[in-house]
Amino acid sequence: MEECVDVAFQPRPITATISGLTATASLIYVAIQTRLSVRHTRALIHQGTAARTTSILLRSMDPEVVAAWIEGNGCTPTPELIRRRQFHYHCGTAMIEMEDYFSQYQERLLSHEQFAHGSATFRGRLREPGLRAYWLEYRDTMAKAAPRYCAYIDGLCAAEPESR
């Protein structure tokens, strides 16, 4: 009588087990590295966009450029109107800076301490009446596009002044 041997139940050599664990660990490592790379790439893209927009706004603050813009839109570029437009662009750059900072924190590229420090700085800026008015004017439009960022800025606006 022949003896049946269950081929599926034969013990595997230890090297095959170690090889399988090593391959699994390698795949996990690659997945983690890919995830980090995607996060950093997203942050770089956002940072590049913020830098480009800020550069455009800063260039647009030049009095001659502002005057040309005002004239091109059918108005007379008075010194007061030029200064208001420059301030408007300056507020825009401040909000873009805050958005970039918020985005970096959301992507976990800033520590809690770094984010708290930056937030304290932004909270102080938002106490200024001009920047606060700028934010309130554009808040509803921004809320549709970036609700989490808007909640962050609203939180900074609502925060009580820190005791000095």
Protein backbone atom coordinates (compact mmCIF):
# COMPACT_ATOMS: atom_id res chain seq x y z
CA MET A 1 0.00 0.00 0.00
CA GLU A 2 1.34 3.40 -1.00
CA GLU A 3 1.60 6.15 1.53
CA CYS A 4 0.02 9.51 0.60
CA VAL A 5 1.99 12.60 1.29
CA ASP A 6 0.18 15.97 1.57
CA VAL A 7 2.36 18.24 -0.57
CA ALA A 8 0.63 21.41 0.63
CA PHE A 9 1.50 20.68 4.24
CA GLN A 10 5.23 20.27 3.85
CA PRO A 11 7.22 22.66 6.03
CA ARG A 12 8.87 25.57 4.17
CA PRO A 13 12.53 26.25 4.62
CA ILE A 14 13.34 29.16 6.95
CA THR A 15 14.99 31.07 4.11
CA ALA A 16 11.71 31.21 2.18
CA THR A 17 9.93 32.63 5.25
CA ILE A 18 12.64 35.24 5.81
CA SER A 19 12.59 36.14 2.12
CA GLY A 20 8.80 36.63 2.25
CA LEU A 21 9.07 38.86 5.33
CA THR A 22 11.85 40.89 3.73
CA ALA A 23 9.79 41.41 0.57
CA THR A 24 6.79 42.51 2.67
CA ALA A 25 8.93 44.93 4.68
CA SER A 26 10.38 46.34 1.45
CA LEU A 27 6.91 46.93 0.02
CA ILE A 28 5.82 48.68 3.21
CA TYR A 29 8.92 50.88 3.10
CA VAL A 30 8.32 51.79 -0.55
CA ALA A 31 4.68 52.62 0.21
CA ILE A 32 5.71 54.93 3.07
CA GLN A 33 8.36 56.62 0.94
CA THR A 34 5.89 57.09 -1.91
CA ARG A 35 3.36 58.64 0.45
CA LEU A 36 5.98 61.04 1.83
CA SER A 37 7.14 61.91 -1.66
CA VAL A 38 3.57 62.72 -2.74
CA ARG A 39 3.11 64.91 0.34
CA HIS A 40 6.34 66.81 -0.31
CA THR A 41 5.54 67.20 -4.00
CA ARG A 42 2.11 68.63 -3.15
CA ALA A 43 3.72 71.07 -0.73
CA LEU A 44 6.30 72.14 -3.32
CA ILE A 45 3.57 72.73 -5.90
CA HIS A 46 1.54 74.80 -3.44
CA GLN A 47 4.63 76.72 -2.34
CA GLY A 48 5.56 77.42 -5.97
CA THR A 49 2.06 78.66 -6.71
CA ALA A 50 2.13 80.89 -3.62
CA ALA A 51 5.55 82.25 -4.55
CA ARG A 52 4.48 83.00 -8.12
CA THR A 53 1.27 84.73 -7.01
CA THR A 54 3.09 86.71 -4.34
CA SER A 55 5.72 87.76 -6.88
CA ILE A 56 3.01 89.00 -9.23
CA LEU A 57 1.30 90.91 -6.42
CA LEU A 58 4.55 92.47 -5.22
CA ARG A 59 5.41 93.59 -8.75
CA SER A 60 1.89 94.95 -9.08
CA MET A 61 2.51 97.20 -6.06
CA ASP A 62 4.86 99.40 -8.10
CA PRO A 63 3.12 102.81 -8.33
CA GLU A 64 3.48 102.99 -12.13
CA VAL A 65 2.06 99.49 -12.56
CA VAL A 66 -0.83 100.29 -10.21
CA ALA A 67 -1.51 103.54 -12.08
CA ALA A 68 -1.54 101.69 -15.41
CA TRP A 69 -3.94 99.11 -13.97
CA ILE A 70 -6.28 101.80 -12.67
CA GLU A 71 -6.18 103.68 -15.99
CA GLY A 72 -6.69 100.45 -17.92
CA ASN A 73 -9.85 99.87 -15.92
CA GLY A 74 -11.24 103.29 -16.80
CA CYS A 75 -10.41 105.26 -13.66
CA THR A 76 -8.08 108.13 -12.82
CA PRO A 77 -5.04 106.98 -10.81
CA THR A 78 -5.04 109.43 -7.89
CA PRO A 79 -2.34 109.04 -5.22
CA GLU A 80 -5.01 107.87 -2.77
CA LEU A 81 -6.38 105.26 -5.18
CA ILE A 82 -2.85 104.03 -5.93
CA ARG A 83 -2.11 103.66 -2.19
CA ARG A 84 -5.38 101.78 -1.59
CA ARG A 85 -4.60 99.37 -4.44
CA GLN A 86 -1.05 98.84 -3.10
CA PHE A 87 -2.47 98.08 0.34
CA HIS A 88 -4.98 95.69 -1.21
CA TYR A 89 -2.15 93.79 -2.93
CA HIS A 90 -0.14 93.76 0.28
CA CYS A 91 -3.09 92.21 2.12
CA GLY A 92 -3.33 89.62 -0.64
CA THR A 93 0.31 88.61 -0.15
CA ALA A 94 -0.25 88.28 3.62
CA MET A 95 -3.23 85.98 3.08
CA ILE A 96 -1.28 83.86 0.57
CA GLU A 97 1.55 83.55 3.09
CA MET A 98 -0.91 82.36 5.73
CA GLU A 99 -2.47 79.89 3.32
CA ASP A 100 0.92 78.43 2.41
CA TYR A 101 1.81 78.10 6.10
CA PHE A 102 -1.53 76.42 6.84
CA SER A 103 -1.07 74.05 3.90
CA GLN A 104 2.41 73.03 5.07
CA TYR A 105 1.03 72.25 8.51
CA GLN A 106 -1.84 70.24 7.03
CA GLU A 107 0.69 68.19 5.07
CA ARG A 108 2.59 67.63 8.36
CA LEU A 109 5.67 69.46 7.14
CA LEU A 110 5.70 71.83 10.13
CA SER A 111 5.84 70.85 13.78
CA HIS A 112 3.10 71.90 16.19
CA GLU A 113 5.51 74.39 17.76
CA GLN A 114 6.41 75.97 14.40
CA PHE A 115 2.74 76.19 13.49
CA ALA A 116 1.82 77.73 16.85
CA HIS A 117 4.56 80.34 16.45
CA GLY A 118 3.44 81.27 12.93
CA SER A 119 -0.20 81.33 14.00
CA ALA A 120 0.60 83.75 16.82
CA THR A 121 2.27 86.04 14.27
CA PHE A 122 -0.72 85.84 11.93
CA ARG A 123 -3.13 86.42 14.84
CA GLY A 124 -1.29 89.67 15.53
CA ARG A 125 -1.48 90.71 11.87
CA LEU A 126 -5.21 90.00 11.77
CA ARG A 127 -5.76 92.42 14.67
CA GLU A 128 -4.85 95.22 12.26
CA PRO A 129 -8.09 96.78 11.00
CA GLY A 130 -7.07 96.93 7.33
CA LEU A 131 -6.09 93.26 7.03
CA ARG A 132 -9.12 92.24 9.06
CA ALA A 133 -11.39 94.23 6.71
CA TYR A 134 -9.68 92.64 3.69
CA TRP A 135 -10.31 89.17 5.13
CA LEU A 136 -13.95 89.90 5.90
CA GLU A 137 -14.48 91.22 2.36
CA TYR A 138 -13.11 88.08 0.68
CA ARG A 139 -14.02 85.49 3.29
CA ASP A 140 -17.26 84.28 1.71
CA THR A 141 -15.60 83.72 -1.67
CA MET A 142 -12.69 81.89 -0.03
CA ALA A 143 -14.97 79.77 2.16
CA LYS A 144 -16.34 77.98 -0.89
CA ALA A 145 -12.89 77.20 -2.27
CA ALA A 146 -10.97 76.50 0.95
CA PRO A 147 -13.28 75.88 3.94
CA ARG A 148 -10.57 74.48 6.27
CA TYR A 149 -8.27 77.42 5.60
CA CYS A 150 -11.15 79.81 6.24
CA ALA A 151 -11.95 78.08 9.52
CA TYR A 152 -8.29 78.49 10.51
CA ILE A 153 -8.27 82.24 9.70
CA ASP A 154 -11.64 82.71 11.42
CA GLY A 155 -10.16 81.01 14.48
CA LEU A 156 -7.22 83.41 14.45
CA CYS A 157 -9.61 86.36 14.16
CA ALA A 158 -11.77 85.10 17.03
CA ALA A 159 -8.86 84.33 19.37
CA GLU A 160 -8.55 86.55 22.36
CA PRO A 161 -5.48 88.75 22.52
CA GLU A 162 -2.77 87.12 24.59
CA SER A 163 -1.88 88.84 27.84
CA ARG A 164 1.38 90.71 27.63
